[in-house]
Amino acid sequence: MSMLSLPVEKIDELAVPYPLASRARPLTWTVRESLAVVITKRTIDIVLSVLGLTITLALFPILVLAIYLDSPGPIFYRQRRARLLRRADVCGRSDFVTFEMLKFRTMRPDAEKLTGVVLAAENDRRITRVGKFLRKTRLDELPQLWNVLTGEMSLVGPRPERPELLGNLSLAVPFFEERLRGCKPGITGLAQVSLGYTGKASASSPIVPHLPDLTNPFRLPNADGADADDARTKLLYDVAYVAAMEHFWSYLALELWIILRTPWVMLKGVGR
């Protein structure tokens, strides 16, 4: 895996105020994808997105009717998400290429009227009854197959976050933004098929012994249960996937394993 390099020869710049920190040099972590990985990944995206849209198209009228009857309003939800990392510096400031991600609407039309931009939580009261089912089975993400077909997303990759939230998470979780450097976001991914809702690990997960180091690592008061803890856990899985993309056979084995495991996660209703 490529190494992350920090400008240690000017480490004092890390401590200067933001107006002076513009001199800080960016992190340099690039994914060295082989041409075979690039071609294979895009081929898989096109073939499976076309196949997926063809197979699930009959479900769309049923889902549209259920969504509207449960909560009158728009059926589809367009949301700006971060797609690729343009630039990140040592002060945590990041710049992303964004796109409009499509989803079936799972929340009330006025969900963010009072809360603003916040992460969806488990048992979120803004989620409709049909929305709970769609999220649990991940059927709300079916329209994203169009995003995959147009090349804005990949079938497999780190989940795209909202730019407003990603900026805050990048400040709280070192290198969190790096998961999107040279790697498209995906509908499903290693974190999504390995972890539960929002990134929580199950009791049988191999990462459980490491949770004390991932959960509130600085032991800040009143910080237990913070969104950054789950993001920190997801980051490990996302980085592992990105690292696998540097070697064709490791990439292909992991890609196929994630794709084959995703339907099982959907049927069990534990994915996110």
Protein backbone atom coordinates (compact mmCIF):
# COMPACT_ATOMS: atom_id res chain seq x y z
CA MET A 1 0.00 0.00 0.00
CA SER A 2 1.26 3.51 -0.74
CA MET A 3 2.53 5.43 2.26
CA LEU A 4 1.08 8.63 3.65
CA SER A 5 3.79 11.28 3.80
CA LEU A 6 3.72 14.31 6.08
CA PRO A 7 5.99 17.35 5.59
CA VAL A 8 8.02 16.60 8.70
CA GLU A 9 10.80 18.96 7.66
CA LYS A 10 8.36 21.84 8.42
CA ILE A 11 6.44 20.27 11.26
CA ASP A 12 6.14 23.65 13.01
CA GLU A 13 3.57 24.66 10.40
CA LEU A 14 1.14 22.19 11.97
CA ALA A 15 0.85 24.43 15.01
CA VAL A 16 0.34 27.80 13.34
CA PRO A 17 -3.10 29.48 13.17
CA TYR A 18 -5.28 28.85 10.11
CA PRO A 19 -4.41 32.14 8.32
CA LEU A 20 -0.74 31.11 8.28
CA ALA A 21 -1.37 27.43 7.69
CA SER A 22 -2.03 27.95 3.99
CA ARG A 23 1.68 27.25 3.51
CA ALA A 24 1.16 23.68 4.72
CA ARG A 25 1.88 21.14 2.02
CA PRO A 26 -0.82 18.60 1.11
CA LEU A 27 -0.79 14.96 2.06
CA THR A 28 0.35 12.64 -0.71
CA TRP A 29 -1.43 9.33 -0.83
CA THR A 30 -2.23 8.09 -4.31
CA VAL A 31 -3.83 4.85 -5.37
CA ARG A 32 -1.65 3.14 -7.94
CA GLU A 33 -4.37 1.32 -9.84
CA SER A 34 -3.19 -0.87 -12.66
CA LEU A 35 -4.85 -0.49 -16.04
CA ALA A 36 -6.33 -3.98 -15.56
CA VAL A 37 -8.03 -2.85 -12.32
CA VAL A 38 -9.42 0.29 -13.96
CA ILE A 39 -10.84 -1.60 -16.95
CA THR A 40 -12.18 -4.50 -14.87
CA LYS A 41 -13.83 -2.25 -12.31
CA ARG A 42 -15.57 -0.11 -14.91
CA THR A 43 -16.68 -3.22 -16.83
CA ILE A 44 -18.19 -4.71 -13.67
CA ASP A 45 -19.92 -1.38 -12.93
CA ILE A 46 -21.51 -1.13 -16.37
CA VAL A 47 -22.58 -4.77 -16.64
CA LEU A 48 -24.03 -5.06 -13.12
CA SER A 49 -25.71 -1.63 -13.09
CA VAL A 50 -27.51 -2.41 -16.37
CA LEU A 51 -28.42 -5.87 -15.09
CA GLY A 52 -29.54 -4.49 -11.74
CA LEU A 53 -31.74 -1.79 -13.27
CA THR A 54 -33.28 -4.32 -15.65
CA ILE A 55 -34.09 -6.82 -12.88
CA THR A 56 -35.39 -4.30 -10.34
CA LEU A 57 -37.32 -2.06 -12.72
CA ALA A 58 -40.53 -3.97 -11.95
CA LEU A 59 -40.13 -3.03 -8.26
CA PHE A 60 -40.02 0.69 -8.93
CA PRO A 61 -43.83 1.25 -9.35
CA ILE A 62 -44.49 -0.69 -6.11
CA LEU A 63 -41.89 1.29 -4.17
CA VAL A 64 -43.07 4.59 -5.65
CA LEU A 65 -46.66 3.90 -4.58
CA ALA A 66 -45.64 2.76 -1.09
CA ILE A 67 -43.46 5.84 -0.52
CA TYR A 68 -46.17 8.26 -1.67
CA LEU A 69 -49.00 6.64 0.31
CA ASP A 70 -46.90 6.59 3.48
CA SER A 71 -45.57 10.14 3.09
CA PRO A 72 -46.90 12.33 0.24
CA GLY A 73 -44.13 14.30 -1.41
CA PRO A 74 -41.21 13.74 -3.77
CA ILE A 75 -40.43 10.08 -4.48
CA PHE A 76 -36.78 10.50 -5.30
CA TYR A 77 -34.29 12.38 -3.20
CA ARG A 78 -31.32 14.15 -4.75
CA GLN A 79 -28.49 14.91 -2.38
CA ARG A 80 -25.10 16.49 -2.99
CA ARG A 81 -22.32 14.09 -2.02
CA ALA A 82 -18.53 14.15 -2.18
CA ARG A 83 -17.18 12.00 -5.02
CA LEU A 84 -13.41 12.47 -5.28
CA LEU A 85 -10.84 14.26 -3.16
CA ARG A 86 -9.23 17.17 -5.00
CA ARG A 87 -7.01 18.46 -2.24
CA ALA A 88 -6.38 17.97 1.48
CA ASP A 89 -3.85 19.75 3.66
CA VAL A 90 -2.39 19.05 7.08
CA CYS A 91 -4.85 21.43 8.73
CA GLY A 92 -7.80 19.25 7.75
CA ARG A 93 -9.18 21.49 5.01
CA SER A 94 -10.38 19.46 2.06
CA ASP A 95 -11.84 20.12 -1.37
CA PHE A 96 -14.01 17.53 -3.12
CA VAL A 97 -15.60 16.91 -6.49
CA THR A 98 -19.32 16.61 -5.78
CA PHE A 99 -22.30 15.04 -7.55
CA GLU A 100 -26.03 14.57 -7.01
CA MET A 101 -26.73 11.11 -5.60
CA LEU A 102 -30.14 9.58 -6.24
CA LYS A 103 -32.13 7.71 -3.59
CA PHE A 104 -35.69 6.78 -2.86
CA ARG A 105 -36.88 9.23 -0.21
CA THR A 106 -36.95 7.63 3.24
CA MET A 107 -37.52 10.69 5.44
CA ARG A 108 -40.26 13.25 5.82
CA PRO A 109 -40.05 16.00 3.16
CA ASP A 110 -39.23 18.55 5.91
CA ALA A 111 -36.70 16.28 7.66
CA GLU A 112 -33.92 18.88 7.85
CA LYS A 113 -36.07 21.94 8.43
CA LEU A 114 -35.29 22.06 12.15
CA THR A 115 -32.14 19.94 12.41
CA GLY A 116 -30.09 21.13 9.45
CA VAL A 117 -27.51 18.79 7.93
CA VAL A 118 -26.95 15.92 10.37
CA LEU A 119 -26.10 12.24 10.05
CA ALA A 120 -29.02 9.83 10.12
CA ALA A 121 -29.08 7.94 13.39
CA GLU A 122 -30.44 4.57 14.40
CA ASN A 123 -34.17 4.89 15.22
CA ASP A 124 -34.16 8.37 13.65
CA ARG A 125 -37.65 9.84 14.07
CA ARG A 126 -37.41 11.65 10.75
CA ILE A 127 -37.50 8.33 8.88
CA THR A 128 -40.92 7.20 7.62
CA ARG A 129 -42.37 3.72 8.15
CA VAL A 130 -41.69 2.69 4.56
CA GLY A 131 -38.34 4.45 4.81
CA LYS A 132 -37.28 2.19 7.68
CA PHE A 133 -37.93 -0.88 5.51
CA LEU A 134 -36.14 0.64 2.52
CA ARG A 135 -33.08 1.54 4.60
CA LYS A 136 -32.97 -1.81 6.37
CA THR A 137 -33.01 -3.70 3.06
CA ARG A 138 -31.01 -1.00 1.23
CA LEU A 139 -33.70 -0.80 -1.46
CA ASP A 140 -33.58 2.98 -1.09
CA GLU A 141 -30.24 2.87 -2.89
CA LEU A 142 -31.50 1.21 -6.09
CA PRO A 143 -31.63 4.54 -8.01
CA GLN A 144 -27.88 4.87 -7.41
CA LEU A 145 -27.39 2.22 -10.07
CA TRP A 146 -27.95 5.12 -12.48
CA ASN A 147 -25.12 7.04 -10.77
CA VAL A 148 -22.92 3.97 -11.33
CA LEU A 149 -23.90 3.68 -14.98
CA THR A 150 -23.04 7.33 -15.64
CA GLY A 151 -19.66 6.92 -13.93
CA GLU A 152 -20.30 9.21 -10.93
CA MET A 153 -20.14 6.25 -8.56
CA SER A 154 -18.87 2.69 -8.57
CA LEU A 155 -20.75 -0.39 -7.49
CA VAL A 156 -18.17 -1.02 -4.74
CA GLY A 157 -16.32 1.65 -2.82
CA PRO A 158 -16.42 3.87 0.28
CA ARG A 159 -19.83 5.38 0.94
CA PRO A 160 -20.05 9.02 -0.19
CA GLU A 161 -20.69 11.51 2.60
CA ARG A 162 -22.27 14.94 2.39
CA PRO A 163 -19.54 17.57 1.94
CA GLU A 164 -20.77 19.55 4.95
CA LEU A 165 -20.44 16.52 7.22
CA LEU A 166 -17.29 15.19 5.59
CA GLY A 167 -15.45 18.38 6.42
CA ASN A 168 -16.23 17.99 10.12
CA LEU A 169 -15.42 14.27 10.13
CA SER A 170 -12.08 14.97 8.44
CA LEU A 171 -11.19 17.31 11.29
CA ALA A 172 -12.18 14.75 13.94
CA VAL A 173 -10.80 11.61 12.25
CA PRO A 174 -7.27 11.90 10.80
CA PHE A 175 -7.12 10.98 7.09
CA PHE A 176 -10.87 10.29 6.87
CA GLU A 177 -11.03 12.29 3.63
CA GLU A 178 -8.27 10.14 2.09
CA ARG A 179 -10.68 7.26 1.47
CA LEU A 180 -11.89 9.19 -1.59
CA ARG A 181 -8.47 9.96 -3.05
CA GLY A 182 -8.39 8.20 -6.42
CA CYS A 183 -11.33 5.94 -5.53
CA LYS A 184 -14.95 6.48 -6.53
CA PRO A 185 -17.62 6.11 -3.84
CA GLY A 186 -19.77 3.00 -4.01
CA ILE A 187 -23.27 1.74 -3.34
CA THR A 188 -21.83 -1.10 -1.30
CA GLY A 189 -18.40 -1.63 0.17
CA LEU A 190 -16.23 -3.56 2.57
CA ALA A 191 -17.41 -1.46 5.52
CA GLN A 192 -21.07 -1.83 4.55
CA VAL A 193 -20.98 -5.63 4.38
CA SER A 194 -18.76 -5.99 7.46
CA LEU A 195 -20.35 -3.54 9.89
CA GLY A 196 -23.86 -2.71 11.06
CA TYR A 197 -25.89 0.49 11.07
CA THR A 198 -23.75 3.67 10.76
CA GLY A 199 -20.58 1.58 11.14
CA LYS A 200 -21.17 -0.23 14.40
CA ALA A 201 -19.34 -3.55 14.75
CA SER A 202 -21.23 -6.69 15.76
CA ALA A 203 -20.17 -8.66 18.82
CA SER A 204 -18.55 -11.31 16.58
CA SER A 205 -16.59 -8.82 14.47
CA PRO A 206 -12.79 -9.31 14.42
CA ILE A 207 -12.42 -5.58 15.02
CA VAL A 208 -14.07 -5.74 18.47
CA PRO A 209 -10.74 -6.19 20.38
CA HIS A 210 -9.53 -2.93 18.83
CA LEU A 211 -12.63 -0.86 19.67
CA PRO A 212 -11.13 0.61 22.88
CA ASP A 213 -8.47 2.26 20.71
CA LEU A 214 -11.03 3.43 18.14
CA THR A 215 -13.71 4.69 20.51
CA ASN A 216 -12.96 8.12 21.97
CA PRO A 217 -9.18 7.49 21.66
CA PHE A 218 -8.31 10.81 23.33
CA ARG A 219 -10.66 10.07 26.24
CA LEU A 220 -12.45 13.38 25.90
CA PRO A 221 -15.22 14.02 28.43
CA ASN A 222 -18.80 13.67 27.18
CA ALA A 223 -17.57 12.34 23.83
CA ASP A 224 -18.68 8.72 24.12
CA GLY A 225 -20.98 7.62 21.30
CA ALA A 226 -19.80 10.36 18.94
CA ASP A 227 -20.28 9.94 15.18
CA ALA A 228 -16.49 10.10 14.78
CA ASP A 229 -16.12 6.73 16.57
CA ASP A 230 -18.13 4.87 13.93
CA ALA A 231 -16.43 6.85 11.15
CA ARG A 232 -13.04 5.85 12.55
CA THR A 233 -14.05 2.19 12.39
CA LYS A 234 -15.41 2.47 8.84
CA LEU A 235 -12.20 4.17 7.76
CA LEU A 236 -10.15 1.03 8.51
CA TYR A 237 -12.30 -1.05 6.17
CA ASP A 238 -12.34 1.62 3.46
CA VAL A 239 -8.56 1.98 3.53
CA ALA A 240 -8.17 -1.81 3.33
CA TYR A 241 -10.35 -1.84 0.20
CA VAL A 242 -8.46 1.04 -1.41
CA ALA A 243 -5.15 -0.70 -0.66
CA ALA A 244 -6.36 -3.89 -2.37
CA MET A 245 -6.93 -1.92 -5.58
CA GLU A 246 -3.18 -1.63 -6.11
CA HIS A 247 -2.90 -5.32 -7.03
CA PHE A 248 -5.23 -6.89 -9.57
CA TRP A 249 -5.86 -10.30 -8.02
CA SER A 250 -6.30 -9.01 -4.48
CA TYR A 251 -8.69 -6.38 -5.85
CA LEU A 252 -10.70 -8.87 -7.92
CA ALA A 253 -11.07 -11.37 -5.06
CA LEU A 254 -12.24 -8.66 -2.65
CA GLU A 255 -14.52 -7.00 -5.21
CA LEU A 256 -16.32 -10.25 -6.02
CA TRP A 257 -16.59 -11.17 -2.32
CA ILE A 258 -18.26 -7.83 -1.52
CA ILE A 259 -20.64 -8.10 -4.49
CA LEU A 260 -21.66 -11.66 -3.59
CA ARG A 261 -22.08 -10.82 0.11
CA THR A 262 -24.21 -7.70 -0.47
CA PRO A 263 -27.50 -9.54 -1.31
CA TRP A 264 -27.11 -11.59 1.88
CA VAL A 265 -26.64 -8.42 3.92
CA MET A 266 -29.74 -6.95 2.29
CA LEU A 267 -31.82 -10.04 3.07
CA LYS A 268 -30.67 -10.05 6.70
CA GLY A 269 -31.43 -6.35 6.93
CA VAL A 270 -28.25 -5.49 8.83
CA GLY A 271 -26.36 -3.49 6.23
CA ARG A 272 -25.92 0.21 5.96
